[in-house]
PDB file of N, CA and C in Angstrom:
ATOM      1  N   MET A   1    -122.211  15.251  81.901  1.00  0.00           N
ATOM      2  CA  MET A   1    -121.408  15.433  83.033  1.00  0.00           C
ATOM      3  C   MET A   1    -120.094  14.504  82.486  1.00  0.00           C
ATOM      4  N   ARG A   2    -120.599  13.245  82.426  1.00  0.00           N
ATOM      5  CA  ARG A   2    -119.471  12.309  81.928  1.00  0.00           C
ATOM      6  C   ARG A   2    -118.270  12.941  81.027  1.00  0.00           C
ATOM      7  N   ASN A   3    -118.624  13.268  79.798  1.00  0.00           N
ATOM      8  CA  ASN A   3    -117.856  14.202  79.210  1.00  0.00           C
ATOM      9  C   ASN A   3    -116.879  15.140  79.905  1.00  0.00           C
ATOM     10  N   VAL A   4    -117.587  15.979  80.346  1.00  0.00           N
ATOM     11  CA  VAL A   4    -116.903  16.806  81.169  1.00  0.00           C
ATOM     12  C   VAL A   4    -115.796  16.138  82.121  1.00  0.00           C
ATOM     13  N   ASN A   5    -116.053  15.307  82.734  1.00  0.00           N
ATOM     14  CA  ASN A   5    -115.121  14.503  83.799  1.00  0.00           C
ATOM     15  C   ASN A   5    -114.188  13.616  82.855  1.00  0.00           C
ATOM     16  N   LEU A   6    -114.457  13.231  81.747  1.00  0.00           N
ATOM     17  CA  LEU A   6    -113.589  12.703  80.810  1.00  0.00           C
ATOM     18  C   LEU A   6    -112.556  13.629  80.357  1.00  0.00           C
ATOM     19  N   ASN A   7    -113.150  14.968  79.845  1.00  0.00           N
ATOM     20  CA  ASN A   7    -112.147  16.156  79.526  1.00  0.00           C
ATOM     21  C   ASN A   7    -111.237  16.465  80.520  1.00  0.00           C
ATOM     22  N   ILE A   8    -111.718  16.422  81.960  1.00  0.00           N
ATOM     23  CA  ILE A   8    -110.735  16.859  83.041  1.00  0.00           C
ATOM     24  C   ILE A   8    -109.740  15.895  83.351  1.00  0.00           C
ATOM     25  N   LEU A   9    -110.075  14.865  83.334  1.00  0.00           N
ATOM     26  CA  LEU A   9    -109.149  13.589  83.269  1.00  0.00           C
ATOM     27  C   LEU A   9    -108.011  13.830  82.166  1.00  0.00           C
ATOM     28  N   LYS A  10    -108.370  14.040  81.043  1.00  0.00           N
ATOM     29  CA  LYS A  10    -107.236  14.105  79.815  1.00  0.00           C
ATOM     30  C   LYS A  10    -106.773  15.205  80.188  1.00  0.00           C
ATOM     31  N   PHE A  11    -107.247  16.370  80.289  1.00  0.00           N
ATOM     32  CA  PHE A  11    -106.709  17.476  80.737  1.00  0.00           C
ATOM     33  C   PHE A  11    -105.449  17.617  81.843  1.00  0.00           C
ATOM     34  N   LEU A  12    -106.017  16.770  82.996  1.00  0.00           N
ATOM     35  CA  LEU A  12    -104.923  16.368  84.029  1.00  0.00           C
ATOM     36  C   LEU A  12    -104.004  15.520  83.684  1.00  0.00           C
ATOM     37  N   GLU A  13    -104.102  14.288  82.566  1.00  0.00           N
ATOM     38  CA  GLU A  13    -103.270  13.545  81.968  1.00  0.00           C
ATOM     39  C   GLU A  13    -102.186  14.352  81.375  1.00  0.00           C
ATOM     40  N   SER A  14    -102.874  15.341  80.356  1.00  0.00           N
ATOM     41  CA  SER A  14    -101.836  16.042  79.552  1.00  0.00           C
ATOM     42  C   SER A  14    -100.986  17.009  80.652  1.00  0.00           C
ATOM     43  N   ILE A  15    -101.343  17.517  81.598  1.00  0.00           N
ATOM     44  CA  ILE A  15    -100.658  17.984  82.485  1.00  0.00           C
ATOM     45  C   ILE A  15     -99.631  17.272  83.032  1.00  0.00           C
ATOM     46  N   ASN A  16     -99.722  16.099  83.667  1.00  0.00           N
ATOM     47  CA  ASN A  16     -98.990  15.125  84.354  1.00  0.00           C
ATOM     48  C   ASN A  16     -97.945  14.552  83.346  1.00  0.00           C
ATOM     49  N   ASN A  17     -98.283  14.454  81.841  1.00  0.00           N
ATOM     50  CA  ASN A  17     -97.164  14.431  81.205  1.00  0.00           C
ATOM     51  C   ASN A  17     -96.266  15.482  80.825  1.00  0.00           C
ATOM     52  N   PHE A  18     -96.812  16.643  80.794  1.00  0.00           N
ATOM     53  CA  PHE A  18     -96.178  17.857  80.677  1.00  0.00           C
ATOM     54  C   PHE A  18     -94.934  18.071  81.738  1.00  0.00           C
ATOM     55  N   CYS A  19     -95.475  17.608  82.803  1.00  0.00           N
ATOM     56  CA  CYS A  19     -94.697  17.517  84.129  1.00  0.00           C
ATOM     57  C   CYS A  19     -93.443  16.608  84.004  1.00  0.00           C
ATOM     58  N   LEU A  20     -93.934  15.290  83.363  1.00  0.00           N
ATOM     59  CA  LEU A  20     -93.256  14.201  83.504  1.00  0.00           C
ATOM     60  C   LEU A  20     -91.855  14.653  82.418  1.00  0.00           C
ATOM     61  N   SER A  21     -92.313  15.268  81.373  1.00  0.00           N
ATOM     62  CA  SER A  21     -91.479  15.660  80.367  1.00  0.00           C
ATOM     63  C   SER A  21     -90.135  16.715  80.958  1.00  0.00           C
ATOM     64  N   LEU A  22     -90.932  17.655  81.356  1.00  0.00           N
ATOM     65  CA  LEU A  22     -90.097  18.499  82.054  1.00  0.00           C
ATOM     66  C   LEU A  22     -89.149  18.222  83.215  1.00  0.00           C
ATOM     67  N   SER A  23     -89.411  17.150  83.826  1.00  0.00           N
ATOM     68  CA  SER A  23     -88.581  16.317  84.736  1.00  0.00           C
ATOM     69  C   SER A  23     -87.519  15.693  84.128  1.00  0.00           C
ATOM     70  N   LYS A  24     -87.950  15.069  82.931  1.00  0.00           N
ATOM     71  CA  LYS A  24     -87.003  14.331  82.092  1.00  0.00           C
ATOM     72  C   LYS A  24     -86.053  15.197  81.520  1.00  0.00           C
ATOM     73  N   ILE A  25     -86.496  16.463  81.057  1.00  0.00           N
ATOM     74  CA  ILE A  25     -85.603  17.479  80.571  1.00  0.00           C
ATOM     75  C   ILE A  25     -84.491  17.892  81.491  1.00  0.00           C
ATOM     76  N   GLY A  26     -85.116  17.941  83.089  1.00  0.00           N
ATOM     77  CA  GLY A  26     -84.412  18.580  83.877  1.00  0.00           C
ATOM     78  C   GLY A  26     -83.307  17.384  84.519  1.00  0.00           C
ATOM     79  N   LEU A  27     -83.454  16.130  84.518  1.00  0.00           N
ATOM     80  CA  LEU A  27     -82.652  15.219  84.688  1.00  0.00           C
ATOM     81  C   LEU A  27     -81.464  15.229  83.495  1.00  0.00           C
ATOM     82  N   GLU A  28     -81.905  15.362  82.206  1.00  0.00           N
ATOM     83  CA  GLU A  28     -81.006  15.395  81.144  1.00  0.00           C
ATOM     84  C   GLU A  28     -80.080  16.705  81.572  1.00  0.00           C
ATOM     85  N   VAL A  29     -80.793  17.787  81.625  1.00  0.00           N
ATOM     86  CA  VAL A  29     -80.027  18.876  81.727  1.00  0.00           C
ATOM     87  C   VAL A  29     -78.869  18.435  83.128  1.00  0.00           C
ATOM     88  N   SER A  30     -79.477  18.110  84.065  1.00  0.00           N
ATOM     89  CA  SER A  30     -78.464  17.772  85.080  1.00  0.00           C
ATOM     90  C   SER A  30     -77.613  16.982  84.699  1.00  0.00           C
ATOM     91  N   TYR A  31     -77.534  15.795  84.150  1.00  0.00           N
ATOM     92  CA  TYR A  31     -76.808  14.818  83.576  1.00  0.00           C
ATOM     93  C   TYR A  31     -75.374  15.697  82.622  1.00  0.00           C
ATOM     94  N   GLN A  32     -76.079  16.356  81.700  1.00  0.00           N
ATOM     95  CA  GLN A  32     -75.033  17.109  81.054  1.00  0.00           C
ATOM     96  C   GLN A  32     -74.043  18.222  81.579  1.00  0.00           C
ATOM     97  N   LEU A  33     -75.009  18.564  82.915  1.00  0.00           N
ATOM     98  CA  LEU A  33     -74.057  19.652  83.495  1.00  0.00           C
ATOM     99  C   LEU A  33     -73.016  18.914  84.224  1.00  0.00           C
ATOM    100  N   SER A  34     -73.274  17.447  84.741  1.00  0.00           N
ATOM    101  CA  SER A  34     -72.445  16.995  85.614  1.00  0.00           C
ATOM    102  C   SER A  34     -71.105  16.209  84.794  1.00  0.00           C
ATOM    103  N   VAL A  35     -71.473  16.277  83.100  1.00  0.00           N
ATOM    104  CA  VAL A  35     -70.272  15.524  82.218  1.00  0.00           C
ATOM    105  C   VAL A  35     -69.490  16.827  82.022  1.00  0.00           C
ATOM    106  N   ILE A  36     -70.185  17.887  81.877  1.00  0.00           N
ATOM    107  CA  ILE A  36     -69.413  19.322  81.635  1.00  0.00           C
ATOM    108  C   ILE A  36     -68.507  19.796  82.826  1.00  0.00           C
ATOM    109  N   SER A  37     -68.944  19.529  83.976  1.00  0.00           N
ATOM    110  CA  SER A  37     -68.210  19.416  85.209  1.00  0.00           C
ATOM    111  C   SER A  37     -67.118  18.649  85.114  1.00  0.00           C
ATOM    112  N   TYR A  38     -67.151  17.520  84.848  1.00  0.00           N
ATOM    113  CA  TYR A  38     -66.096  16.489  85.034  1.00  0.00           C
ATOM    114  C   TYR A  38     -65.025  16.958  83.869  1.00  0.00           C
ATOM    115  N   GLN A  39     -65.773  17.443  82.502  1.00  0.00           N
ATOM    116  CA  GLN A  39     -64.614  17.605  81.352  1.00  0.00           C
ATOM    117  C   GLN A  39     -64.070  18.862  81.929  1.00  0.00           C
ATOM    118  N   LEU A  40     -64.682  20.051  82.500  1.00  0.00           N
ATOM    119  CA  LEU A  40     -63.780  21.015  82.854  1.00  0.00           C
ATOM    120  C   LEU A  40     -62.660  20.813  84.040  1.00  0.00           C
ATOM    121  N   SER A  41     -62.914  19.769  84.805  1.00  0.00           N
ATOM    122  CA  SER A  41     -61.946  19.385  86.000  1.00  0.00           C
ATOM    123  C   SER A  41     -60.807  18.811  85.141  1.00  0.00           C
ATOM    124  N   VAL A  42     -61.000  18.149  84.071  1.00  0.00           N
ATOM    125  CA  VAL A  42     -60.172  17.168  83.316  1.00  0.00           C
ATOM    126  C   VAL A  42     -59.117  18.240  82.800  1.00  0.00           C
ATOM    127  N   ILE A  43     -59.744  19.204  81.942  1.00  0.00           N
ATOM    128  CA  ILE A  43     -59.009  20.438  81.390  1.00  0.00           C
ATOM    129  C   ILE A  43     -58.339  21.277  82.268  1.00  0.00           C
ATOM    130  N   SER A  44     -58.980  21.225  83.646  1.00  0.00           N
ATOM    131  CA  SER A  44     -58.070  22.101  84.554  1.00  0.00           C
ATOM    132  C   SER A  44     -56.757  21.376  84.808  1.00  0.00           C
ATOM    133  N   TYR A  45     -56.673  19.987  85.237  1.00  0.00           N
ATOM    134  CA  TYR A  45     -55.764  19.195  85.571  1.00  0.00           C
ATOM    135  C   TYR A  45     -54.855  19.143  84.299  1.00  0.00           C
ATOM    136  N   GLN A  46     -55.104  19.176  82.950  1.00  0.00           N
ATOM    137  CA  GLN A  46     -54.228  19.066  81.934  1.00  0.00           C
ATOM    138  C   GLN A  46     -53.525  20.802  82.005  1.00  0.00           C
ATOM    139  N   LEU A  47     -54.413  21.639  82.193  1.00  0.00           N
ATOM    140  CA  LEU A  47     -53.696  22.858  82.232  1.00  0.00           C
ATOM    141  C   LEU A  47     -52.547  23.060  83.450  1.00  0.00           C
ATOM    142  N   SER A  48     -52.752  22.580  84.545  1.00  0.00           N
ATOM    143  CA  SER A  48     -51.900  22.510  85.532  1.00  0.00           C
ATOM    144  C   SER A  48     -50.795  21.481  85.086  1.00  0.00           C
ATOM    145  N   VAL A  49     -50.767  20.573  84.402  1.00  0.00           N
ATOM    146  CA  VAL A  49     -49.840  19.946  83.971  1.00  0.00           C
ATOM    147  C   VAL A  49     -49.070  20.680  83.010  1.00  0.00           C
ATOM    148  N   ILE A  50     -49.567  21.301  82.008  1.00  0.00           N
ATOM    149  CA  ILE A  50     -48.827  22.116  80.962  1.00  0.00           C
ATOM    150  C   ILE A  50     -48.173  23.106  81.619  1.00  0.00           C
ATOM    151  N   SER A  51     -48.982  23.822  82.529  1.00  0.00           N
ATOM    152  CA  SER A  51     -47.945  24.782  83.462  1.00  0.00           C
ATOM    153  C   SER A  51     -46.780  24.440  84.110  1.00  0.00           C
ATOM    154  N   TYR A  52     -46.806  23.312  84.646  1.00  0.00           N
ATOM    155  CA  TYR A  52     -45.791  22.556  85.280  1.00  0.00           C
ATOM    156  C   TYR A  52     -44.703  22.349  84.112  1.00  0.00           C
ATOM    157  N   GLN A  53     -44.909  21.795  83.127  1.00  0.00           N
ATOM    158  CA  GLN A  53     -44.166  21.608  82.206  1.00  0.00           C
ATOM    159  C   GLN A  53     -43.270  22.832  81.673  1.00  0.00           C
ATOM    160  N   LEU A  54     -44.299  23.902  81.490  1.00  0.00           N
ATOM    161  CA  LEU A  54     -43.928  25.300  80.803  1.00  0.00           C
ATOM    162  C   LEU A  54     -42.592  25.346  81.756  1.00  0.00           C
ATOM    163  N   SER A  55     -43.161  25.563  83.298  1.00  0.00           N
ATOM    164  CA  SER A  55     -41.943  25.880  84.272  1.00  0.00           C
ATOM    165  C   SER A  55     -40.819  25.278  84.525  1.00  0.00           C
ATOM    166  N   VAL A  56     -41.050  23.858  84.091  1.00  0.00           N
ATOM    167  CA  VAL A  56     -39.809  23.057  83.936  1.00  0.00           C
ATOM    168  C   VAL A  56     -38.817  23.508  82.783  1.00  0.00           C
ATOM    169  N   ILE A  57     -39.483  23.894  81.614  1.00  0.00           N
ATOM    170  CA  ILE A  57     -38.696  24.320  80.545  1.00  0.00           C
ATOM    171  C   ILE A  57     -38.104  25.600  80.530  1.00  0.00           C
ATOM    172  N   SER A  58     -38.963  26.584  81.237  1.00  0.00           N
ATOM    173  CA  SER A  58     -38.297  27.854  81.498  1.00  0.00           C
ATOM    174  C   SER A  58     -37.023  27.792  82.366  1.00  0.00           C
ATOM    175  N   TYR A  59     -37.011  26.919  83.327  1.00  0.00           N
ATOM    176  CA  TYR A  59     -35.826  26.668  84.350  1.00  0.00           C
ATOM    177  C   TYR A  59     -34.849  26.022  83.466  1.00  0.00           C
ATOM    178  N   GLN A  60     -34.986  24.951  82.711  1.00  0.00           N
ATOM    179  CA  GLN A  60     -34.089  24.435  81.725  1.00  0.00           C
ATOM    180  C   GLN A  60     -33.411  25.430  80.887  1.00  0.00           C
ATOM    181  N   LEU A  61     -34.294  26.408  80.311  1.00  0.00           N
ATOM    182  CA  LEU A  61     -33.754  27.334  79.176  1.00  0.00           C
ATOM    183  C   LEU A  61     -32.654  28.735  80.298  1.00  0.00           C
ATOM    184  N   SER A  62     -33.296  28.497  81.114  1.00  0.00           N
ATOM    185  CA  SER A  62     -32.191  29.397  82.365  1.00  0.00           C
ATOM    186  C   SER A  62     -31.165  28.810  82.587  1.00  0.00           C
ATOM    187  N   VAL A  63     -31.090  27.579  82.672  1.00  0.00           N
ATOM    188  CA  VAL A  63     -29.809  26.890  82.946  1.00  0.00           C
ATOM    189  C   VAL A  63     -28.973  26.834  81.767  1.00  0.00           C
ATOM    190  N   ILE A  64     -29.416  26.674  80.757  1.00  0.00           N
ATOM    191  CA  ILE A  64     -28.765  26.648  79.396  1.00  0.00           C
ATOM    192  C   ILE A  64     -28.042  28.198  79.219  1.00  0.00           C
ATOM    193  N   SER A  65     -29.103  28.823  79.420  1.00  0.00           N
ATOM    194  CA  SER A  65     -28.422  30.557  79.284  1.00  0.00           C
ATOM    195  C   SER A  65     -27.423  30.443  79.719  1.00  0.00           C
ATOM    196  N   SER A  66     -27.477  30.434  81.194  1.00  0.00           N
ATOM    197  CA  SER A  66     -26.252  30.489  82.148  1.00  0.00           C
ATOM    198  C   SER A  66     -25.318  29.764  81.740  1.00  0.00           C
ATOM    199  N   LEU A  67     -25.272  28.346  81.155  1.00  0.00           N
ATOM    200  CA  LEU A  67     -23.979  27.780  80.846  1.00  0.00           C
ATOM    201  C   LEU A  67     -23.428  28.409  79.801  1.00  0.00           C
ATOM    202  N   ARG A  68     -24.066  29.044  78.770  1.00  0.00           N
ATOM    203  CA  ARG A  68     -23.550  29.664  77.518  1.00  0.00           C
ATOM    204  C   ARG A  68     -22.612  30.764  78.053  1.00  0.00           C
ATOM    205  N   LYS A  69     -22.995  31.314  79.203  1.00  0.00           N
ATOM    206  CA  LYS A  69     -22.394  32.672  79.577  1.00  0.00           C
ATOM    207  C   LYS A  69     -20.983  32.174  80.320  1.00  0.00           C
ATOM    208  N   LEU A  70     -20.755  30.775  80.809  1.00  0.00           N
ATOM    209  CA  LEU A  70     -19.614  30.428  81.102  1.00  0.00           C
ATOM    210  C   LEU A  70     -18.420  30.305  80.370  1.00  0.00           C
ATOM    211  N   PRO A  71     -17.198  30.540  80.539  1.00  0.00           N
ATOM    212  CA  PRO A  71     -16.090  30.273  79.445  1.00  0.00           C
ATOM    213  C   PRO A  71     -16.037  28.646  79.760  1.00  0.00           C
ATOM    214  N   THR A  72     -15.745  28.218  78.805  1.00  0.00           N
ATOM    215  CA  THR A  72     -15.156  26.568  78.621  1.00  0.00           C
ATOM    216  C   THR A  72     -13.659  26.626  78.684  1.00  0.00           C
ATOM    217  N   PRO A  73     -12.799  25.730  78.945  1.00  0.00           N
ATOM    218  CA  PRO A  73     -11.413  25.555  78.851  1.00  0.00           C
ATOM    219  C   PRO A  73     -11.003  25.546  77.315  1.00  0.00           C
ATOM    220  N   HIS A  74     -11.663  25.181  76.341  1.00  0.00           N
ATOM    221  CA  HIS A  74     -11.572  25.325  75.346  1.00  0.00           C
ATOM    222  C   HIS A  74     -11.846  26.644  74.326  1.00  0.00           C
ATOM    223  N   THR A  75     -12.411  27.420  75.295  1.00  0.00           N
ATOM    224  CA  THR A  75     -13.004  28.792  74.605  1.00  0.00           C
ATOM    225  C   THR A  75     -11.491  29.722  74.556  1.00  0.00           C
ATOM    226  N   LEU A  76     -11.424  30.104  73.222  1.00  0.00           N
ATOM    227  CA  LEU A  76     -10.249  31.100  73.094  1.00  0.00           C
ATOM    228  C   LEU A  76     -10.661  32.419  73.542  1.00  0.00           C
ATOM    229  N   HIS A  77      -9.608  33.004  74.263  1.00  0.00           N
ATOM    230  CA  HIS A  77      -9.911  34.059  74.994  1.00  0.00           C
ATOM    231  C   HIS A  77      -9.026  35.353  74.025  1.00  0.00           C
ATOM    232  N   PRO A  78      -9.668  36.354  73.438  1.00  0.00           N
ATOM    233  CA  PRO A  78      -8.936  37.476  72.651  1.00  0.00           C
ATOM    234  C   PRO A  78      -7.818  37.730  73.591  1.00  0.00           C
ATOM    235  N   THR A  79      -6.853  37.967  72.963  1.00  0.00           N
ATOM    236  CA  THR A  79      -5.727  38.447  73.307  1.00  0.00           C
ATOM    237  C   THR A  79      -5.834  39.959  73.148  1.00  0.00           C
ATOM    238  N   PRO A  80      -5.079  40.816  73.894  1.00  0.00           N
ATOM    239  CA  PRO A  80      -5.002  42.282  73.879  1.00  0.00           C
ATOM    240  C   PRO A  80      -3.973  42.918  72.662  1.00  0.00           C
ATOM    241  N   TYR A  81      -4.668  43.529  71.721  1.00  0.00           N
ATOM    242  CA  TYR A  81      -3.929  44.126  70.489  1.00  0.00           C
ATOM    243  C   TYR A  81      -3.034  45.299  71.009  1.00  0.00           C
ATOM    244  N   PHE A  82      -1.541  44.804  70.658  1.00  0.00           N
ATOM    245  CA  PHE A  82      -0.985  45.979  71.137  1.00  0.00           C
ATOM    246  C   PHE A  82      -0.072  46.348  69.915  1.00  0.00           C
ATOM    247  N   PRO A  83      -0.509  47.321  69.145  1.00  0.00           N
ATOM    248  CA  PRO A  83       0.165  47.747  68.023  1.00  0.00           C
ATOM    249  C   PRO A  83       1.905  47.859  68.017  1.00  0.00           C
ATOM    250  N   THR A  84       2.754  47.163  67.387  1.00  0.00           N
ATOM    251  CA  THR A  84       4.263  47.479  67.543  1.00  0.00           C
ATOM    252  C   THR A  84       4.477  48.616  66.711  1.00  0.00           C
ATOM    253  N   PRO A  85       5.212  49.500  67.494  1.00  0.00           N
ATOM    254  CA  PRO A  85       5.631  50.760  66.890  1.00  0.00           C
ATOM    255  C   PRO A  85       6.594  50.856  65.770  1.00  0.00           C
ATOM    256  N   HIS A  86       6.168  51.582  64.712  1.00  0.00           N
ATOM    257  CA  HIS A  86       6.924  51.446  63.552  1.00  0.00           C
ATOM    258  C   HIS A  86       8.022  52.688  63.339  1.00  0.00           C
ATOM    259  N   PRO A  87       9.349  52.583  63.043  1.00  0.00           N
ATOM    260  CA  PRO A  87      10.128  53.551  63.205  1.00  0.00           C
ATOM    261  C   PRO A  87       9.866  54.573  61.860  1.00  0.00           C
TER     262      PRO A  87
END
């Protein structure tokens, strides 16, 4: 009877250890998920910064493009060509 009780206690202890290891794994997984969540929020912020920078660059390119279309005072405008008649 004593051996049976001892075996039951060992079995219960092994179940307890198994449950403890599962809870440690759960805590580790929970911690890793919180780290991943934080990293994703950092990446999201960085992407929003990049998106903003791209919109600024796009605006600057549109300004440059419109400035290239404007004639400057030093731009030579072509004069119309009128051929002179030959007798």
